[in-house]
C-alpha atoms as a PDB file:
ATOM      1  CA  UNK A   1      13.136  -0.964  13.345  1.00  0.00           C
ATOM      2  CA  UNK A   2      15.872  -2.831  11.204  1.00  0.00           C
ATOM      3  CA  UNK A   3      16.989  -0.864   8.082  1.00  0.00           C
ATOM      4  CA  UNK A   4      16.930  -2.485   4.790  1.00  0.00           C
ATOM      5  CA  UNK A   5      20.595  -3.211   4.637  1.00  0.00           C
ATOM      6  CA  UNK A   6      21.062  -4.513   8.117  1.00  0.00           C
ATOM      7  CA  UNK A   7      19.850  -7.992   7.459  1.00  0.00           C
ATOM      8  CA  UNK A   8      22.423 -10.876   6.835  1.00  0.00           C
ATOM      9  CA  UNK A   9      22.169 -12.653   3.374  1.00  0.00           C
ATOM     10  CA  UNK A  10      21.746 -15.893   5.167  1.00  0.00           C
ATOM     11  CA  UNK A  11      19.971 -16.581   8.623  1.00  0.00           C
ATOM     12  CA  UNK A  12      22.375 -16.824  11.373  1.00  0.00           C
ATOM     13  CA  UNK A  13      20.467 -18.663  13.825  1.00  0.00           C
ATOM     14  CA  UNK A  14      22.200 -21.276  16.161  1.00  0.00           C
ATOM     15  CA  UNK A  15      20.378 -24.431  16.192  1.00  0.00           C
ATOM     16  CA  UNK A  16      18.659 -23.368  19.626  1.00  0.00           C
ATOM     17  CA  UNK A  17      17.700 -20.013  18.038  1.00  0.00           C
ATOM     18  CA  UNK A  18      16.144 -21.889  15.081  1.00  0.00           C
ATOM     19  CA  UNK A  19      14.095 -24.021  17.296  1.00  0.00           C
ATOM     20  CA  UNK A  20      12.887 -21.096  19.424  1.00  0.00           C
ATOM     21  CA  UNK A  21      11.930 -19.106  16.377  1.00  0.00           C
ATOM     22  CA  UNK A  22       9.959 -21.800  14.768  1.00  0.00           C
ATOM     23  CA  UNK A  23       8.108 -22.229  18.133  1.00  0.00           C
ATOM     24  CA  UNK A  24       7.369 -18.512  18.384  1.00  0.00           C
ATOM     25  CA  UNK A  25       6.246 -18.309  14.691  1.00  0.00           C
ATOM     26  CA  UNK A  26       3.714 -20.727  15.496  1.00  0.00           C
ATOM     27  CA  UNK A  27       2.173 -18.245  17.878  1.00  0.00           C
ATOM     28  CA  UNK A  28       2.046 -15.410  15.270  1.00  0.00           C
ATOM     29  CA  UNK A  29      -1.541 -14.413  14.405  1.00  0.00           C
ATOM     30  CA  UNK A  30      -2.493 -14.274  10.716  1.00  0.00           C
ATOM     31  CA  UNK A  31      -5.019 -11.432  11.091  1.00  0.00           C
ATOM     32  CA  UNK A  32      -3.067  -9.358  13.449  1.00  0.00           C
ATOM     33  CA  UNK A  33       0.605  -9.665  14.646  1.00  0.00           C
ATOM     34  CA  UNK A  34       1.016  -6.170  16.100  1.00  0.00           C
ATOM     35  CA  UNK A  35       2.950  -3.392  14.459  1.00  0.00           C
ATOM     36  CA  UNK A  36       6.362  -4.269  15.920  1.00  0.00           C
ATOM     37  CA  UNK A  37       6.048  -7.956  14.998  1.00  0.00           C
ATOM     38  CA  UNK A  38       4.653  -7.071  11.431  1.00  0.00           C
ATOM     39  CA  UNK A  39       7.389  -4.568  10.737  1.00  0.00           C
ATOM     40  CA  UNK A  40      10.129  -6.907  11.906  1.00  0.00           C
ATOM     41  CA  UNK A  41       9.520  -8.744   8.697  1.00  0.00           C
ATOM     42  CA  UNK A  42       9.898  -5.535   6.643  1.00  0.00           C
ATOM     43  CA  UNK A  43      13.643  -6.212   5.667  1.00  0.00           C
ATOM     44  CA  UNK A  44      13.206  -9.878   5.321  1.00  0.00           C
ATOM     45  CA  UNK A  45      10.272 -10.740   3.005  1.00  0.00           C
ATOM     46  CA  UNK A  46       8.437  -8.812   0.163  1.00  0.00           C
ATOM     47  CA  UNK A  47       5.097  -7.990   1.035  1.00  0.00           C
ATOM     48  CA  UNK A  48       2.041  -7.634  -1.263  1.00  0.00           C
ATOM     49  CA  UNK A  49       0.404  -4.058  -1.304  1.00  0.00           C
ATOM     50  CA  UNK A  50      -2.743  -3.011  -2.903  1.00  0.00           C
ATOM     51  CA  UNK A  51      -2.900   0.648  -4.183  1.00  0.00           C
ATOM     52  CA  UNK A  52      -6.300   2.028  -5.122  1.00  0.00           C
ATOM     53  CA  UNK A  53      -6.852   4.682  -7.671  1.00  0.00           C
ATOM     54  CA  UNK A  54     -10.375   5.797  -6.963  1.00  0.00           C
ATOM     55  CA  UNK A  55     -11.253   8.003  -9.720  1.00  0.00           C
ATOM     56  CA  UNK A  56     -14.421  10.365 -10.450  1.00  0.00           C
ATOM     57  CA  UNK A  57     -15.321  12.639 -13.233  1.00  0.00           C
ATOM     58  CA  UNK A  58     -15.962  16.349 -11.966  1.00  0.00           C
ATOM     59  CA  UNK A  59     -16.619  19.164 -14.204  1.00  0.00           C
ATOM     60  CA  UNK A  60     -15.824  16.803 -17.168  1.00  0.00           C
ATOM     61  CA  UNK A  61     -12.419  16.040 -15.836  1.00  0.00           C
ATOM     62  CA  UNK A  62     -10.941  12.997 -14.261  1.00  0.00           C
ATOM     63  CA  UNK A  63     -10.111  13.315 -10.551  1.00  0.00           C
ATOM     64  CA  UNK A  64      -8.171  11.182  -8.315  1.00  0.00           C
ATOM     65  CA  UNK A  65      -8.726  10.578  -4.575  1.00  0.00           C
ATOM     66  CA  UNK A  66      -5.845  11.244  -2.459  1.00  0.00           C
ATOM     67  CA  UNK A  67      -5.372  11.489   1.351  1.00  0.00           C
ATOM     68  CA  UNK A  68      -2.649  12.955   3.514  1.00  0.00           C
ATOM     69  CA  UNK A  69      -0.219  10.911   5.606  1.00  0.00           C
ATOM     70  CA  UNK A  70       2.158  11.958   8.188  1.00  0.00           C
ATOM     71  CA  UNK A  71       3.796   9.245  10.175  1.00  0.00           C
ATOM     72  CA  UNK A  72       7.123   7.344  10.576  1.00  0.00           C
ATOM     73  CA  UNK A  73       7.034   5.825   7.229  1.00  0.00           C
ATOM     74  CA  UNK A  74       5.567   8.316   4.859  1.00  0.00           C
ATOM     75  CA  UNK A  75       4.787  12.085   4.654  1.00  0.00           C
ATOM     76  CA  UNK A  76       2.874  13.314   1.857  1.00  0.00           C
ATOM     77  CA  UNK A  77      -0.410  12.785  -0.341  1.00  0.00           C
ATOM     78  CA  UNK A  78      -1.059   9.303  -1.501  1.00  0.00           C
ATOM     79  CA  UNK A  79      -3.924   7.075  -2.907  1.00  0.00           C
ATOM     80  CA  UNK A  80      -5.576   4.690  -0.407  1.00  0.00           C
ATOM     81  CA  UNK A  81      -3.811   1.366  -0.077  1.00  0.00           C
ATOM     82  CA  UNK A  82      -2.742  -1.299   2.247  1.00  0.00           C
ATOM     83  CA  UNK A  83      -1.240  -4.754   2.656  1.00  0.00           C
ATOM     84  CA  UNK A  84      -3.026  -7.879   1.577  1.00  0.00           C
ATOM     85  CA  UNK A  85      -4.160  -9.818   4.733  1.00  0.00           C
ATOM     86  CA  UNK A  86      -3.890 -13.704   4.466  1.00  0.00           C
ATOM     87  CA  UNK A  87      -6.821 -15.172   2.637  1.00  0.00           C
ATOM     88  CA  UNK A  88      -8.158 -11.866   1.380  1.00  0.00           C
ATOM     89  CA  UNK A  89      -9.283 -11.525  -2.440  1.00  0.00           C
ATOM     90  CA  UNK A  90      -8.654  -8.330  -4.144  1.00  0.00           C
ATOM     91  CA  UNK A  91     -12.272  -7.315  -3.671  1.00  0.00           C
ATOM     92  CA  UNK A  92     -12.074  -7.863   0.168  1.00  0.00           C
ATOM     93  CA  UNK A  93      -8.832  -5.819   0.596  1.00  0.00           C
ATOM     94  CA  UNK A  94     -10.229  -2.997  -1.505  1.00  0.00           C
ATOM     95  CA  UNK A  95     -13.455  -3.008   0.484  1.00  0.00           C
ATOM     96  CA  UNK A  96     -11.568  -3.030   3.771  1.00  0.00           C
ATOM     97  CA  UNK A  97      -8.858  -0.457   2.902  1.00  0.00           C
ATOM     98  CA  UNK A  98     -11.187   2.001   1.157  1.00  0.00           C
ATOM     99  CA  UNK A  99     -13.645   2.142   4.076  1.00  0.00           C
ATOM    100  CA  UNK A 100     -10.844   2.381   6.637  1.00  0.00           C
ATOM    101  CA  UNK A 101      -9.038   4.964   4.962  1.00  0.00           C
ATOM    102  CA  UNK A 102     -11.862   6.941   3.273  1.00  0.00           C
ATOM    103  CA  UNK A 103     -15.160   5.962   4.604  1.00  0.00           C
ATOM    104  CA  UNK A 104     -16.331   5.029   0.983  1.00  0.00           C
ATOM    105  CA  UNK A 105     -17.994   1.712  -0.090  1.00  0.00           C
ATOM    106  CA  UNK A 106     -16.094  -0.069  -3.041  1.00  0.00           C
ATOM    107  CA  UNK A 107     -18.571  -0.488  -6.033  1.00  0.00           C
ATOM    108  CA  UNK A 108     -16.059  -2.339  -8.416  1.00  0.00           C
ATOM    109  CA  UNK A 109     -12.271  -2.915  -8.727  1.00  0.00           C
ATOM    110  CA  UNK A 110     -10.224  -3.414 -11.745  1.00  0.00           C
ATOM    111  CA  UNK A 111      -6.488  -4.612 -11.983  1.00  0.00           C
ATOM    112  CA  UNK A 112      -4.465  -1.867 -13.625  1.00  0.00           C
ATOM    113  CA  UNK A 113      -0.597  -2.691 -13.194  1.00  0.00           C
ATOM    114  CA  UNK A 114       2.037  -3.851 -10.910  1.00  0.00           C
ATOM    115  CA  UNK A 115       5.202  -2.293  -9.488  1.00  0.00           C
ATOM    116  CA  UNK A 116       8.287  -3.695  -7.497  1.00  0.00           C
ATOM    117  CA  UNK A 117       9.413  -1.363  -5.060  1.00  0.00           C
ATOM    118  CA  UNK A 118      12.325  -1.436  -2.534  1.00  0.00           C
ATOM    119  CA  UNK A 119      14.241   1.045  -0.652  1.00  0.00           C
ATOM    120  CA  UNK A 120      16.762   1.251  -3.364  1.00  0.00           C
ATOM    121  CA  UNK A 121      14.094   2.151  -6.041  1.00  0.00           C
ATOM    122  CA  UNK A 122      11.639   4.210  -3.820  1.00  0.00           C
ATOM    123  CA  UNK A 123      11.076   5.913  -0.446  1.00  0.00           C
ATOM    124  CA  UNK A 124       9.335   2.717   1.106  1.00  0.00           C
ATOM    125  CA  UNK A 125      10.229   1.013   4.191  1.00  0.00           C
ATOM    126  CA  UNK A 126      10.362  -2.478   2.850  1.00  0.00           C
ATOM    127  CA  UNK A 127      10.283  -4.541  -0.432  1.00  0.00           C
ATOM    128  CA  UNK A 128       6.819  -4.113  -1.923  1.00  0.00           C
ATOM    129  CA  UNK A 129       5.008  -5.829  -4.869  1.00  0.00           C
ATOM    130  CA  UNK A 130       2.390  -2.967  -5.273  1.00  0.00           C
ATOM    131  CA  UNK A 131      -0.597  -3.934  -7.269  1.00  0.00           C
ATOM    132  CA  UNK A 132      -2.421  -1.043  -8.658  1.00  0.00           C
ATOM    133  CA  UNK A 133      -6.173  -0.990  -9.096  1.00  0.00           C
ATOM    134  CA  UNK A 134      -8.836   1.319 -10.622  1.00  0.00           C
ATOM    135  CA  UNK A 135     -11.781   1.511  -8.397  1.00  0.00           C
ATOM    136  CA  UNK A 136     -15.223   3.021  -8.382  1.00  0.00           C
ATOM    137  CA  UNK A 137     -16.547   3.886  -4.835  1.00  0.00           C
ATOM    138  CA  UNK A 138     -19.670   5.439  -3.371  1.00  0.00           C
ATOM    139  CA  UNK A 139     -20.605   7.011  -0.235  1.00  0.00           C
ATOM    140  CA  UNK A 140     -19.783   9.915   2.132  1.00  0.00           C
ATOM    141  CA  UNK A 141     -16.070  10.833   2.030  1.00  0.00           C
ATOM    142  CA  UNK A 142     -14.727  10.753   5.455  1.00  0.00           C
ATOM    143  CA  UNK A 143     -11.026  11.658   4.584  1.00  0.00           C
ATOM    144  CA  UNK A 144      -9.220  12.667   1.350  1.00  0.00           C
ATOM    145  CA  UNK A 145      -9.746  15.080  -1.428  1.00  0.00           C
ATOM    146  CA  UNK A 146     -10.320  14.558  -5.059  1.00  0.00           C
ATOM    147  CA  UNK A 147      -7.963  16.265  -7.239  1.00  0.00           C
ATOM    148  CA  UNK A 148      -7.792  16.713 -11.151  1.00  0.00           C
ATOM    149  CA  UNK A 149      -4.735  14.881 -12.714  1.00  0.00           C
ATOM    150  CA  UNK A 150      -3.531  18.498 -13.846  1.00  0.00           C
ATOM    151  CA  UNK A 151      -3.345  19.756 -10.164  1.00  0.00           C
ATOM    152  CA  UNK A 152      -1.863  17.052  -8.049  1.00  0.00           C
ATOM    153  CA  UNK A 153      -0.091  18.364  -4.800  1.00  0.00           C
ATOM    154  CA  UNK A 154       3.708  18.652  -5.054  1.00  0.00           C
ATOM    155  CA  UNK A 155       4.216  16.787  -1.729  1.00  0.00           C
ATOM    156  CA  UNK A 156       2.617  13.370  -3.092  1.00  0.00           C
ATOM    157  CA  UNK A 157       4.789  10.408  -2.319  1.00  0.00           C
ATOM    158  CA  UNK A 158       7.423   9.610  -5.018  1.00  0.00           C
ATOM    159  CA  UNK A 159       6.306   6.221  -5.979  1.00  0.00           C
ATOM    160  CA  UNK A 160       2.611   7.391  -6.005  1.00  0.00           C
ATOM    161  CA  UNK A 161       3.750   9.913  -8.780  1.00  0.00           C
ATOM    162  CA  UNK A 162       4.624   6.823 -10.827  1.00  0.00           C
ATOM    163  CA  UNK A 163       1.110   5.400 -10.187  1.00  0.00           C
ATOM    164  CA  UNK A 164      -0.316   8.515 -11.240  1.00  0.00           C
ATOM    165  CA  UNK A 165       1.863   8.989 -14.273  1.00  0.00           C
ATOM    166  CA  UNK A 166       1.009   5.282 -15.431  1.00  0.00           C
ATOM    167  CA  UNK A 167      -2.820   5.993 -14.936  1.00  0.00           C
ATOM    168  CA  UNK A 168      -2.569   9.148 -16.840  1.00  0.00           C
ATOM    169  CA  UNK A 169      -0.891   7.603 -19.722  1.00  0.00           C
ATOM    170  CA  UNK A 170      -2.820   4.338 -19.909  1.00  0.00           C
ATOM    171  CA  UNK A 171      -6.432   5.487 -18.847  1.00  0.00           C
ATOM    172  CA  UNK A 172      -6.941   9.249 -19.044  1.00  0.00           C
ATOM    173  CA  UNK A 173      -4.864  10.355 -22.200  1.00  0.00           C
END
């Protein structure tokens, strides 16, 4: 994968390369492009990401759902989240991501805040406009753990620490 600083400021296609690129772009799937193709756009365009704060009151204390991730981009605890697919509403992306990552069914979703991350400001693989949502969900939890805000694991992703600080300050104080 190309790193954040490897891209030229301006596209440097020859006229033949430009024609070939535009021809190939017409073959891109808007639902699924494949991991390598999708990640090839990381250093070029900001991407819209939704992060979902699924909260529950347990023993009279607010808890947040986190799950552990260990892959080439992230290692640590984080909230459920994912990129918005073309044409999806916020409810659709919440429903899709929550079920895929946790097995839960989304009950409602409410916009909380936005963040603007890139590799110079957070440990992220690309430029992300992250939309943070508060969610209520139901069903049988397949993956993840609810943690009280005063007992968050120390190996939570750095930018997710900031999401939690925002939520704690504006919703749970």
